[in-house]
Amino acid sequence: MIRHALIFWSAVALAIVGFLTGLLDQGIGSLRNLLFPLLLLAVVFYAYKIAPARSARSTSSSGSKTQVKPSQKTMAKVAGKRKGQGTSGKRKSYPFQVIEGSKGKNDENLPKYH
């Protein structure tokens, strides 16, 4: 993590030094060199932040999503699950089965060491 921070801040420092030397050499005319990167940054920002939010908002507000009516079979399943959930008291029934082990039992037929 420290190595990445070092690389990042080194790049920032070099960018600042390059901007200042360009400003001292060419004056205000050096700002023309920043026009393309700033324009590119604005386009990328628009593409990633504003455009997807606008398209999602316009599709949801226009009501173009179609509603699918569930079948009777699906509704019967949902109703059956709701009835089963309401009738259970404190304990839930799980589809698991406990298998008794023989670790704690004393069988004299089995040797203690194998």
PDB file of N, CA and C in Angstrom:
ATOM      1  N   MET A   1       0.825  -1.192   0.000  1.00  0.00           N
ATOM      2  CA  MET A   1       0.000   0.000   0.000  1.00  0.00           C
ATOM      3  C   MET A   1       0.870   1.258   0.000  1.00  0.00           C
ATOM      4  N   ILE A   2       1.950   1.228   0.750  1.00  0.00           N
ATOM      5  CA  ILE A   2       2.828   2.391   0.829  1.00  0.00           C
ATOM      6  C   ILE A   2       3.506   2.619  -0.527  1.00  0.00           C
ATOM      7  N   ARG A   3       3.853   1.532  -1.214  1.00  0.00           N
ATOM      8  CA  ARG A   3       4.503   1.657  -2.518  1.00  0.00           C
ATOM      9  C   ARG A   3       3.579   2.325  -3.532  1.00  0.00           C
ATOM     10  N   HIS A   4       2.282   1.953  -3.498  1.00  0.00           N
ATOM     11  CA  HIS A   4       1.329   2.565  -4.425  1.00  0.00           C
ATOM     12  C   HIS A   4       1.149   4.051  -4.114  1.00  0.00           C
ATOM     13  N   ALA A   5       1.122   4.395  -2.831  1.00  0.00           N
ATOM     14  CA  ALA A   5       0.985   5.798  -2.447  1.00  0.00           C
ATOM     15  C   ALA A   5       2.215   6.584  -2.880  1.00  0.00           C
ATOM     16  N   LEU A   6       3.382   5.975  -2.761  1.00  0.00           N
ATOM     17  CA  LEU A   6       4.615   6.641  -3.173  1.00  0.00           C
ATOM     18  C   LEU A   6       4.609   6.911  -4.679  1.00  0.00           C
ATOM     19  N   ILE A   7       4.176   5.934  -5.453  1.00  0.00           N
ATOM     20  CA  ILE A   7       4.104   6.104  -6.908  1.00  0.00           C
ATOM     21  C   ILE A   7       3.083   7.187  -7.267  1.00  0.00           C
ATOM     22  N   PHE A   8       1.932   7.175  -6.598  1.00  0.00           N
ATOM     23  CA  PHE A   8       0.890   8.163  -6.881  1.00  0.00           C
ATOM     24  C   PHE A   8       1.377   9.575  -6.584  1.00  0.00           C
ATOM     25  N   TRP A   9       1.951   9.788  -5.399  1.00  0.00           N
ATOM     26  CA  TRP A   9       2.372  11.133  -5.024  1.00  0.00           C
ATOM     27  C   TRP A   9       3.572  11.592  -5.840  1.00  0.00           C
ATOM     28  N   SER A  10       4.403  10.652  -6.279  1.00  0.00           N
ATOM     29  CA  SER A  10       5.495  11.027  -7.168  1.00  0.00           C
ATOM     30  C   SER A  10       4.951  11.522  -8.502  1.00  0.00           C
ATOM     31  N   ALA A  11       3.938  10.854  -9.024  1.00  0.00           N
ATOM     32  CA  ALA A  11       3.320  11.280 -10.283  1.00  0.00           C
ATOM     33  C   ALA A  11       2.644  12.641 -10.124  1.00  0.00           C
ATOM     34  N   VAL A  12       1.993  12.862  -8.984  1.00  0.00           N
ATOM     35  CA  VAL A  12       1.350  14.156  -8.738  1.00  0.00           C
ATOM     36  C   VAL A  12       2.404  15.260  -8.664  1.00  0.00           C
ATOM     37  N   ALA A  13       3.504  14.986  -7.970  1.00  0.00           N
ATOM     38  CA  ALA A  13       4.569  15.993  -7.849  1.00  0.00           C
ATOM     39  C   ALA A  13       5.171  16.318  -9.217  1.00  0.00           C
ATOM     40  N   LEU A  14       5.404  15.290 -10.034  1.00  0.00           N
ATOM     41  CA  LEU A  14       5.942  15.531 -11.377  1.00  0.00           C
ATOM     42  C   LEU A  14       4.959  16.315 -12.248  1.00  0.00           C
ATOM     43  N   ALA A  15       3.661  16.047 -12.091  1.00  0.00           N
ATOM     44  CA  ALA A  15       2.661  16.791 -12.862  1.00  0.00           C
ATOM     45  C   ALA A  15       2.650  18.257 -12.458  1.00  0.00           C
ATOM     46  N   ILE A  16       2.777  18.514 -11.160  1.00  0.00           N
ATOM     47  CA  ILE A  16       2.795  19.905 -10.692  1.00  0.00           C
ATOM     48  C   ILE A  16       4.046  20.621 -11.198  1.00  0.00           C
ATOM     49  N   VAL A  17       5.194  19.930 -11.130  1.00  0.00           N
ATOM     50  CA  VAL A  17       6.437  20.530 -11.626  1.00  0.00           C
ATOM     51  C   VAL A  17       6.321  20.814 -13.125  1.00  0.00           C
ATOM     52  N   GLY A  18       5.762  19.889 -13.889  1.00  0.00           N
ATOM     53  CA  GLY A  18       5.593  20.099 -15.324  1.00  0.00           C
ATOM     54  C   GLY A  18       4.652  21.252 -15.624  1.00  0.00           C
ATOM     55  N   PHE A  19       3.585  21.370 -14.850  1.00  0.00           N
ATOM     56  CA  PHE A  19       2.648  22.478 -15.055  1.00  0.00           C
ATOM     57  C   PHE A  19       3.305  23.824 -14.752  1.00  0.00           C
ATOM     58  N   LEU A  20       4.058  23.874 -13.651  1.00  0.00           N
ATOM     59  CA  LEU A  20       4.700  25.137 -13.272  1.00  0.00           C
ATOM     60  C   LEU A  20       5.791  25.544 -14.266  1.00  0.00           C
ATOM     61  N   THR A  21       6.586  24.581 -14.743  1.00  0.00           N
ATOM     62  CA  THR A  21       7.621  24.940 -15.723  1.00  0.00           C
ATOM     63  C   THR A  21       6.993  25.377 -17.050  1.00  0.00           C
ATOM     64  N   GLY A  22       5.894  24.734 -17.441  1.00  0.00           N
ATOM     65  CA  GLY A  22       5.207  25.161 -18.657  1.00  0.00           C
ATOM     66  C   GLY A  22       4.606  26.538 -18.500  1.00  0.00           C
ATOM     67  N   LEU A  23       4.094  26.831 -17.313  1.00  0.00           N
ATOM     68  CA  LEU A  23       3.512  28.143 -17.044  1.00  0.00           C
ATOM     69  C   LEU A  23       4.593  29.230 -17.062  1.00  0.00           C
ATOM     70  N   LEU A  24       5.780  28.912 -16.526  1.00  0.00           N
ATOM     71  CA  LEU A  24       6.871  29.892 -16.514  1.00  0.00           C
ATOM     72  C   LEU A  24       7.458  30.096 -17.914  1.00  0.00           C
ATOM     73  N   ASP A  25       7.532  29.017 -18.701  1.00  0.00           N
ATOM     74  CA  ASP A  25       8.127  29.138 -20.043  1.00  0.00           C
ATOM     75  C   ASP A  25       7.182  29.808 -21.037  1.00  0.00           C
ATOM     76  N   GLN A  26       5.941  29.388 -21.082  1.00  0.00           N
ATOM     77  CA  GLN A  26       5.022  29.859 -22.116  1.00  0.00           C
ATOM     78  C   GLN A  26       3.976  30.842 -21.599  1.00  0.00           C
ATOM     79  N   GLY A  27       3.873  31.013 -20.309  1.00  0.00           N
ATOM     80  CA  GLY A  27       2.888  31.937 -19.741  1.00  0.00           C
ATOM     81  C   GLY A  27       1.491  31.325 -19.784  1.00  0.00           C
ATOM     82  N   ILE A  28       0.504  32.177 -20.025  1.00  0.00           N
ATOM     83  CA  ILE A  28      -0.893  31.735 -20.034  1.00  0.00           C
ATOM     84  C   ILE A  28      -1.180  30.825 -21.231  1.00  0.00           C
ATOM     85  N   GLY A  29      -0.386  30.891 -22.252  1.00  0.00           N
ATOM     86  CA  GLY A  29      -0.571  30.057 -23.437  1.00  0.00           C
ATOM     87  C   GLY A  29      -0.421  28.570 -23.140  1.00  0.00           C
ATOM     88  N   SER A  30       0.250  28.249 -22.036  1.00  0.00           N
ATOM     89  CA  SER A  30       0.418  26.833 -21.689  1.00  0.00           C
ATOM     90  C   SER A  30      -0.896  26.213 -21.220  1.00  0.00           C
ATOM     91  N   LEU A  31      -1.851  27.034 -20.837  1.00  0.00           N
ATOM     92  CA  LEU A  31      -3.151  26.500 -20.420  1.00  0.00           C
ATOM     93  C   LEU A  31      -3.888  25.850 -21.589  1.00  0.00           C
ATOM     94  N   ARG A  32      -3.506  26.245 -22.802  1.00  0.00           N
ATOM     95  CA  ARG A  32      -4.097  25.632 -23.986  1.00  0.00           C
ATOM     96  C   ARG A  32      -3.771  24.138 -24.050  1.00  0.00           C
ATOM     97  N   ASN A  33      -2.611  23.758 -23.505  1.00  0.00           N
ATOM     98  CA  ASN A  33      -2.225  22.351 -23.486  1.00  0.00           C
ATOM     99  C   ASN A  33      -3.099  21.532 -22.541  1.00  0.00           C
ATOM    100  N   LEU A  34      -3.711  22.178 -21.577  1.00  0.00           N
ATOM    101  CA  LEU A  34      -4.582  21.478 -20.633  1.00  0.00           C
ATOM    102  C   LEU A  34      -6.008  21.328 -21.143  1.00  0.00           C
ATOM    103  N   LEU A  35      -6.332  21.972 -22.246  1.00  0.00           N
ATOM    104  CA  LEU A  35      -7.698  21.950 -22.753  1.00  0.00           C
ATOM    105  C   LEU A  35      -8.146  20.542 -23.126  1.00  0.00           C
ATOM    106  N   PHE A  36      -7.331  19.803 -23.855  1.00  0.00           N
ATOM    107  CA  PHE A  36      -7.724  18.451 -24.271  1.00  0.00           C
ATOM    108  C   PHE A  36      -7.872  17.495 -23.088  1.00  0.00           C
ATOM    109  N   PRO A  37      -6.918  17.431 -22.131  1.00  0.00           N
ATOM    110  CA  PRO A  37      -7.126  16.527 -20.994  1.00  0.00           C
ATOM    111  C   PRO A  37      -8.360  16.867 -20.152  1.00  0.00           C
ATOM    112  N   LEU A  38      -8.626  18.161 -19.970  1.00  0.00           N
ATOM    113  CA  LEU A  38      -9.813  18.551 -19.201  1.00  0.00           C
ATOM    114  C   LEU A  38     -11.103  18.190 -19.935  1.00  0.00           C
ATOM    115  N   LEU A  39     -11.099  18.379 -21.239  1.00  0.00           N
ATOM    116  CA  LEU A  39     -12.261  18.008 -22.036  1.00  0.00           C
ATOM    117  C   LEU A  39     -12.490  16.498 -21.992  1.00  0.00           C
ATOM    118  N   LEU A  40     -11.414  15.730 -22.093  1.00  0.00           N
ATOM    119  CA  LEU A  40     -11.508  14.274 -22.018  1.00  0.00           C
ATOM    120  C   LEU A  40     -12.012  13.828 -20.648  1.00  0.00           C
ATOM    121  N   LEU A  41     -11.535  14.457 -19.593  1.00  0.00           N
ATOM    122  CA  LEU A  41     -11.997  14.138 -18.243  1.00  0.00           C
ATOM    123  C   LEU A  41     -13.486  14.440 -18.080  1.00  0.00           C
ATOM    124  N   ALA A  42     -13.948  15.537 -18.652  1.00  0.00           N
ATOM    125  CA  ALA A  42     -15.366  15.893 -18.568  1.00  0.00           C
ATOM    126  C   ALA A  42     -16.230  14.878 -19.309  1.00  0.00           C
ATOM    127  N   VAL A  43     -15.777  14.420 -20.469  1.00  0.00           N
ATOM    128  CA  VAL A  43     -16.547  13.431 -21.234  1.00  0.00           C
ATOM    129  C   VAL A  43     -16.624  12.107 -20.482  1.00  0.00           C
ATOM    130  N   VAL A  44     -15.514  11.687 -19.898  1.00  0.00           N
ATOM    131  CA  VAL A  44     -15.503  10.432 -19.142  1.00  0.00           C
ATOM    132  C   VAL A  44     -16.396  10.552 -17.916  1.00  0.00           C
ATOM    133  N   PHE A  45     -16.338  11.675 -17.224  1.00  0.00           N
ATOM    134  CA  PHE A  45     -17.207  11.889 -16.066  1.00  0.00           C
ATOM    135  C   PHE A  45     -18.676  11.837 -16.474  1.00  0.00           C
ATOM    136  N   TYR A  46     -19.004  12.470 -17.571  1.00  0.00           N
ATOM    137  CA  TYR A  46     -20.382  12.446 -18.052  1.00  0.00           C
ATOM    138  C   TYR A  46     -20.829  11.032 -18.403  1.00  0.00           C
ATOM    139  N   ALA A  47     -19.949  10.287 -19.045  1.00  0.00           N
ATOM    140  CA  ALA A  47     -20.304   8.934 -19.478  1.00  0.00           C
ATOM    141  C   ALA A  47     -20.527   7.996 -18.302  1.00  0.00           C
ATOM    142  N   TYR A  48     -19.733   8.106 -17.265  1.00  0.00           N
ATOM    143  CA  TYR A  48     -19.824   7.167 -16.152  1.00  0.00           C
ATOM    144  C   TYR A  48     -20.799   7.576 -15.068  1.00  0.00           C
ATOM    145  N   LYS A  49     -21.043   8.849 -14.882  1.00  0.00           N
ATOM    146  CA  LYS A  49     -21.885   9.287 -13.769  1.00  0.00           C
ATOM    147  C   LYS A  49     -23.265   9.762 -14.197  1.00  0.00           C
ATOM    148  N   ILE A  50     -23.331  10.624 -15.161  1.00  0.00           N
ATOM    149  CA  ILE A  50     -24.584  11.293 -15.482  1.00  0.00           C
ATOM    150  C   ILE A  50     -25.423  10.481 -16.462  1.00  0.00           C
ATOM    151  N   ALA A  51     -24.835   9.943 -17.505  1.00  0.00           N
ATOM    152  CA  ALA A  51     -25.602   9.248 -18.544  1.00  0.00           C
ATOM    153  C   ALA A  51     -26.316   7.990 -18.026  1.00  0.00           C
ATOM    154  N   PRO A  52     -25.695   7.087 -17.256  1.00  0.00           N
ATOM    155  CA  PRO A  52     -26.443   5.918 -16.773  1.00  0.00           C
ATOM    156  C   PRO A  52     -27.576   6.291 -15.825  1.00  0.00           C
ATOM    157  N   ALA A  53     -27.380   7.308 -14.991  1.00  0.00           N
ATOM    158  CA  ALA A  53     -28.438   7.724 -14.077  1.00  0.00           C
ATOM    159  C   ALA A  53     -29.623   8.298 -14.849  1.00  0.00           C
ATOM    160  N   ARG A  54     -29.344   9.048 -15.904  1.00  0.00           N
ATOM    161  CA  ARG A  54     -30.417   9.639 -16.704  1.00  0.00           C
ATOM    162  C   ARG A  54     -31.199   8.562 -17.448  1.00  0.00           C
ATOM    163  N   SER A  55     -30.505   7.571 -18.014  1.00  0.00           N
ATOM    164  CA  SER A  55     -31.206   6.531 -18.764  1.00  0.00           C
ATOM    165  C   SER A  55     -32.022   5.634 -17.836  1.00  0.00           C
ATOM    166  N   ALA A  56     -31.530   5.364 -16.640  1.00  0.00           N
ATOM    167  CA  ALA A  56     -32.287   4.543 -15.691  1.00  0.00           C
ATOM    168  C   ALA A  56     -33.530   5.296 -15.209  1.00  0.00           C
ATOM    169  N   ARG A  57     -33.397   6.588 -14.989  1.00  0.00           N
ATOM    170  CA  ARG A  57     -34.513   7.384 -14.515  1.00  0.00           C
ATOM    171  C   ARG A  57     -35.586   7.523 -15.596  1.00  0.00           C
ATOM    172  N   SER A  58     -35.166   7.670 -16.842  1.00  0.00           N
ATOM    173  CA  SER A  58     -36.139   7.872 -17.920  1.00  0.00           C
ATOM    174  C   SER A  58     -36.913   6.583 -18.207  1.00  0.00           C
ATOM    175  N   THR A  59     -36.290   5.426 -18.075  1.00  0.00           N
ATOM    176  CA  THR A  59     -37.014   4.182 -18.340  1.00  0.00           C
ATOM    177  C   THR A  59     -37.974   3.855 -17.203  1.00  0.00           C
ATOM    178  N   SER A  60     -37.612   4.207 -15.972  1.00  0.00           N
ATOM    179  CA  SER A  60     -38.504   3.885 -14.865  1.00  0.00           C
ATOM    180  C   SER A  60     -39.692   4.828 -14.808  1.00  0.00           C
ATOM    181  N   SER A  61     -39.525   6.084 -15.216  1.00  0.00           N
ATOM    182  CA  SER A  61     -40.622   7.037 -15.132  1.00  0.00           C
ATOM    183  C   SER A  61     -41.607   6.875 -16.294  1.00  0.00           C
ATOM    184  N   SER A  62     -41.168   6.342 -17.417  1.00  0.00           N
ATOM    185  CA  SER A  62     -42.062   6.231 -18.557  1.00  0.00           C
ATOM    186  C   SER A  62     -42.982   5.025 -18.449  1.00  0.00           C
ATOM    187  N   GLY A  63     -42.686   4.098 -17.541  1.00  0.00           N
ATOM    188  CA  GLY A  63     -43.542   2.939 -17.351  1.00  0.00           C
ATOM    189  C   GLY A  63     -43.411   1.908 -18.441  1.00  0.00           C
ATOM    190  N   SER A  64     -42.271   1.796 -19.046  1.00  0.00           N
ATOM    191  CA  SER A  64     -42.101   0.857 -20.144  1.00  0.00           C
ATOM    192  C   SER A  64     -41.899  -0.570 -19.664  1.00  0.00           C
ATOM    193  N   LYS A  65     -41.733  -0.758 -18.358  1.00  0.00           N
ATOM    194  CA  LYS A  65     -41.558  -2.107 -17.834  1.00  0.00           C
ATOM    195  C   LYS A  65     -42.909  -2.819 -17.828  1.00  0.00           C
ATOM    196  N   THR A  66     -42.921  -4.050 -18.316  1.00  0.00           N
ATOM    197  CA  THR A  66     -44.167  -4.795 -18.351  1.00  0.00           C
ATOM    198  C   THR A  66     -44.293  -5.622 -17.082  1.00  0.00           C
ATOM    199  N   GLN A  67     -45.490  -5.700 -16.587  1.00  0.00           N
ATOM    200  CA  GLN A  67     -45.770  -6.486 -15.399  1.00  0.00           C
ATOM    201  C   GLN A  67     -46.116  -7.903 -15.819  1.00  0.00           C
ATOM    202  N   VAL A  68     -45.519  -8.872 -15.159  1.00  0.00           N
ATOM    203  CA  VAL A  68     -45.778 -10.267 -15.463  1.00  0.00           C
ATOM    204  C   VAL A  68     -46.676 -10.822 -14.364  1.00  0.00           C
ATOM    205  N   LYS A  69     -47.798 -11.361 -14.768  1.00  0.00           N
ATOM    206  CA  LYS A  69     -48.733 -11.919 -13.801  1.00  0.00           C
ATOM    207  C   LYS A  69     -48.295 -13.345 -13.473  1.00  0.00           C
ATOM    208  N   PRO A  70     -48.124 -13.660 -12.175  1.00  0.00           N
ATOM    209  CA  PRO A  70     -47.710 -15.017 -11.819  1.00  0.00           C
ATOM    210  C   PRO A  70     -48.824 -16.025 -12.095  1.00  0.00           C
ATOM    211  N   SER A  71     -48.399 -17.242 -12.388  1.00  0.00           N
ATOM    212  CA  SER A  71     -49.384 -18.277 -12.699  1.00  0.00           C
ATOM    213  C   SER A  71     -50.092 -18.743 -11.430  1.00  0.00           C
ATOM    214  N   GLN A  72     -51.168 -19.498 -11.611  1.00  0.00           N
ATOM    215  CA  GLN A  72     -51.922 -20.012 -10.468  1.00  0.00           C
ATOM    216  C   GLN A  72     -51.086 -20.995  -9.668  1.00  0.00           C
ATOM    217  N   LYS A  73     -50.256 -21.757 -10.358  1.00  0.00           N
ATOM    218  CA  LYS A  73     -49.403 -22.729  -9.687  1.00  0.00           C
ATOM    219  C   LYS A  73     -48.395 -22.018  -8.766  1.00  0.00           C
ATOM    220  N   THR A  74     -47.830 -20.915  -9.264  1.00  0.00           N
ATOM    221  CA  THR A  74     -46.890 -20.152  -8.455  1.00  0.00           C
ATOM    222  C   THR A  74     -47.589 -19.529  -7.263  1.00  0.00           C
ATOM    223  N   MET A  75     -48.774 -19.005  -7.477  1.00  0.00           N
ATOM    224  CA  MET A  75     -49.520 -18.399  -6.377  1.00  0.00           C
ATOM    225  C   MET A  75     -49.898 -19.436  -5.327  1.00  0.00           C
ATOM    226  N   ALA A  76     -50.207 -20.669  -5.758  1.00  0.00           N
ATOM    227  CA  ALA A  76     -50.533 -21.727  -4.803  1.00  0.00           C
ATOM    228  C   ALA A  76     -49.309 -22.078  -3.962  1.00  0.00           C
ATOM    229  N   LYS A  77     -48.124 -22.103  -4.576  1.00  0.00           N
ATOM    230  CA  LYS A  77     -46.905 -22.385  -3.830  1.00  0.00           C
ATOM    231  C   LYS A  77     -46.636 -21.299  -2.790  1.00  0.00           C
ATOM    232  N   VAL A  78     -46.786 -20.048  -3.200  1.00  0.00           N
ATOM    233  CA  VAL A  78     -46.539 -18.931  -2.288  1.00  0.00           C
ATOM    234  C   VAL A  78     -47.542 -18.966  -1.136  1.00  0.00           C
ATOM    235  N   ALA A  79     -48.795 -19.246  -1.437  1.00  0.00           N
ATOM    236  CA  ALA A  79     -49.813 -19.312  -0.392  1.00  0.00           C
ATOM    237  C   ALA A  79     -49.528 -20.466   0.561  1.00  0.00           C
ATOM    238  N   GLY A  80     -49.063 -21.595   0.029  1.00  0.00           N
ATOM    239  CA  GLY A  80     -48.736 -22.745   0.878  1.00  0.00           C
ATOM    240  C   GLY A  80     -47.572 -22.444   1.806  1.00  0.00           C
ATOM    241  N   LYS A  81     -46.584 -21.725   1.323  1.00  0.00           N
ATOM    242  CA  LYS A  81     -45.446 -21.364   2.158  1.00  0.00           C
ATOM    243  C   LYS A  81     -45.868 -20.391   3.245  1.00  0.00           C
ATOM    244  N   ARG A  82     -46.734 -19.467   2.911  1.00  0.00           N
ATOM    245  CA  ARG A  82     -47.180 -18.487   3.905  1.00  0.00           C
ATOM    246  C   ARG A  82     -47.988 -19.157   5.007  1.00  0.00           C
ATOM    247  N   LYS A  83     -48.820 -20.132   4.657  1.00  0.00           N
ATOM    248  CA  LYS A  83     -49.597 -20.839   5.663  1.00  0.00           C
ATOM    249  C   LYS A  83     -48.690 -21.634   6.593  1.00  0.00           C
ATOM    250  N   GLY A  84     -47.673 -22.279   6.031  1.00  0.00           N
ATOM    251  CA  GLY A  84     -46.756 -23.087   6.826  1.00  0.00           C
ATOM    252  C   GLY A  84     -45.928 -22.247   7.782  1.00  0.00           C
ATOM    253  N   GLN A  85     -45.586 -21.056   7.392  1.00  0.00           N
ATOM    254  CA  GLN A  85     -44.771 -20.200   8.235  1.00  0.00           C
ATOM    255  C   GLN A  85     -45.575 -19.669   9.415  1.00  0.00           C
ATOM    256  N   GLY A  86     -46.815 -19.387   9.223  1.00  0.00           N
ATOM    257  CA  GLY A  86     -47.620 -18.814  10.282  1.00  0.00           C
ATOM    258  C   GLY A  86     -47.992 -19.821  11.351  1.00  0.00           C
ATOM    259  N   THR A  87     -48.137 -21.108  11.018  1.00  0.00           N
ATOM    260  CA  THR A  87     -48.595 -22.096  11.983  1.00  0.00           C
ATOM    261  C   THR A  87     -47.482 -22.603  12.877  1.00  0.00           C
ATOM    262  N   SER A  88     -46.219 -22.461  12.449  1.00  0.00           N
ATOM    263  CA  SER A  88     -45.143 -22.979  13.288  1.00  0.00           C
ATOM    264  C   SER A  88     -45.001 -22.118  14.524  1.00  0.00           C
ATOM    265  N   GLY A  89     -44.808 -22.758  15.642  1.00  0.00           N
ATOM    266  CA  GLY A  89     -44.709 -22.045  16.907  1.00  0.00           C
ATOM    267  C   GLY A  89     -43.303 -21.547  17.145  1.00  0.00           C
ATOM    268  N   LYS A  90     -42.715 -22.033  18.219  1.00  0.00           N
ATOM    269  CA  LYS A  90     -41.393 -21.586  18.587  1.00  0.00           C
ATOM    270  C   LYS A  90     -40.307 -22.255  17.753  1.00  0.00           C
ATOM    271  N   ARG A  91     -40.521 -23.506  17.391  1.00  0.00           N
ATOM    272  CA  ARG A  91     -39.514 -24.263  16.665  1.00  0.00           C
ATOM    273  C   ARG A  91     -39.867 -24.371  15.190  1.00  0.00           C
ATOM    274  N   LYS A  92     -38.850 -24.365  14.392  1.00  0.00           N
ATOM    275  CA  LYS A  92     -39.045 -24.568  12.959  1.00  0.00           C
ATOM    276  C   LYS A  92     -38.716 -26.012  12.635  1.00  0.00           C
ATOM    277  N   SER A  93     -39.364 -26.530  11.626  1.00  0.00           N
ATOM    278  CA  SER A  93     -39.039 -27.886  11.203  1.00  0.00           C
ATOM    279  C   SER A  93     -38.047 -27.808  10.058  1.00  0.00           C
ATOM    280  N   TYR A  94     -36.928 -28.482  10.214  1.00  0.00           N
ATOM    281  CA  TYR A  94     -35.885 -28.493   9.205  1.00  0.00           C
ATOM    282  C   TYR A  94     -35.842 -29.852   8.535  1.00  0.00           C
ATOM    283  N   PRO A  95     -35.480 -29.925   7.289  1.00  0.00           N
ATOM    284  CA  PRO A  95     -35.434 -31.212   6.594  1.00  0.00           C
ATOM    285  C   PRO A  95     -34.128 -31.969   6.860  1.00  0.00           C
ATOM    286  N   PHE A  96     -33.639 -31.914   8.094  1.00  0.00           N
ATOM    287  CA  PHE A  96     -32.416 -32.608   8.444  1.00  0.00           C
ATOM    288  C   PHE A  96     -32.728 -33.722   9.423  1.00  0.00           C
ATOM    289  N   GLN A  97     -31.847 -34.705   9.466  1.00  0.00           N
ATOM    290  CA  GLN A  97     -32.028 -35.832  10.377  1.00  0.00           C
ATOM    291  C   GLN A  97     -30.732 -36.023  11.150  1.00  0.00           C
ATOM    292  N   VAL A  98     -30.855 -36.233  12.451  1.00  0.00           N
ATOM    293  CA  VAL A  98     -29.686 -36.440  13.291  1.00  0.00           C
ATOM    294  C   VAL A  98     -29.294 -37.913  13.206  1.00  0.00           C
ATOM    295  N   ILE A  99     -28.029 -38.152  12.899  1.00  0.00           N
ATOM    296  CA  ILE A  99     -27.518 -39.523  12.840  1.00  0.00           C
ATOM    297  C   ILE A  99     -26.728 -39.763  14.114  1.00  0.00           C
ATOM    298  N   GLU A 100     -27.150 -40.741  14.879  1.00  0.00           N
ATOM    299  CA  GLU A 100     -26.486 -41.056  16.135  1.00  0.00           C
ATOM    300  C   GLU A 100     -25.134 -41.694  15.859  1.00  0.00           C
ATOM    301  N   GLY A 101     -24.116 -41.210  16.540  1.00  0.00           N
ATOM    302  CA  GLY A 101     -22.785 -41.787  16.411  1.00  0.00           C
ATOM    303  C   GLY A 101     -22.521 -42.777  17.529  1.00  0.00           C
ATOM    304  N   SER A 102     -21.416 -43.481  17.434  1.00  0.00           N
ATOM    305  CA  SER A 102     -21.094 -44.472  18.458  1.00  0.00           C
ATOM    306  C   SER A 102     -19.852 -44.082  19.247  1.00  0.00           C
ATOM    307  N   LYS A 103     -19.481 -42.837  19.232  1.00  0.00           N
ATOM    308  CA  LYS A 103     -18.265 -42.404  19.887  1.00  0.00           C
ATOM    309  C   LYS A 103     -18.376 -42.464  21.410  1.00  0.00           C
ATOM    310  N   GLY A 104     -19.479 -42.055  21.948  1.00  0.00           N
ATOM    311  CA  GLY A 104     -19.612 -41.986  23.389  1.00  0.00           C
ATOM    312  C   GLY A 104     -20.073 -43.290  24.024  1.00  0.00           C
ATOM    313  N   LYS A 105     -20.432 -44.288  23.251  1.00  0.00           N
ATOM    314  CA  LYS A 105     -20.965 -45.539  23.787  1.00  0.00           C
ATOM    315  C   LYS A 105     -19.826 -46.501  24.100  1.00  0.00           C
ATOM    316  N   ASN A 106     -19.993 -47.279  25.148  1.00  0.00           N
ATOM    317  CA  ASN A 106     -18.995 -48.280  25.520  1.00  0.00           C
ATOM    318  C   ASN A 106     -19.401 -49.620  24.964  1.00  0.00           C
ATOM    319  N   ASP A 107     -18.836 -50.010  23.884  1.00  0.00           N
ATOM    320  CA  ASP A 107     -19.046 -51.347  23.314  1.00  0.00           C
ATOM    321  C   ASP A 107     -17.845 -52.191  23.711  1.00  0.00           C
ATOM    322  N   GLU A 108     -18.096 -53.296  24.375  1.00  0.00           N
ATOM    323  CA  GLU A 108     -16.988 -54.157  24.786  1.00  0.00           C
ATOM    324  C   GLU A 108     -16.478 -54.994  23.619  1.00  0.00           C
ATOM    325  N   ASN A 109     -17.256 -55.081  22.545  1.00  0.00           N
ATOM    326  CA  ASN A 109     -16.827 -55.867  21.386  1.00  0.00           C
ATOM    327  C   ASN A 109     -15.734 -55.151  20.585  1.00  0.00           C
ATOM    328  N   LEU A 110     -15.709 -53.829  20.644  1.00  0.00           N
ATOM    329  CA  LEU A 110     -14.728 -53.084  19.888  1.00  0.00           C
ATOM    330  C   LEU A 110     -13.473 -52.857  20.718  1.00  0.00           C
ATOM    331  N   PRO A 111     -12.316 -53.048  20.127  1.00  0.00           N
ATOM    332  CA  PRO A 111     -11.083 -52.764  20.883  1.00  0.00           C
ATOM    333  C   PRO A 111     -10.895 -51.251  21.045  1.00  0.00           C
ATOM    334  N   LYS A 112     -10.233 -50.842  22.133  1.00  0.00           N
ATOM    335  CA  LYS A 112     -10.027 -49.412  22.380  1.00  0.00           C
ATOM    336  C   LYS A 112      -9.012 -48.829  21.402  1.00  0.00           C
ATOM    337  N   TYR A 113      -8.003 -49.632  21.014  1.00  0.00           N
ATOM    338  CA  TYR A 113      -6.984 -49.152  20.091  1.00  0.00           C
ATOM    339  C   TYR A 113      -7.022 -49.988  18.823  1.00  0.00           C
ATOM    340  N   HIS A 114      -6.926 -49.371  17.700  1.00  0.00           N
ATOM    341  CA  HIS A 114      -6.980 -50.091  16.423  1.00  0.00           C
ATOM    342  C   HIS A 114      -5.599 -50.322  15.899  1.00  0.00           C
TER     343      HIS A 114
END
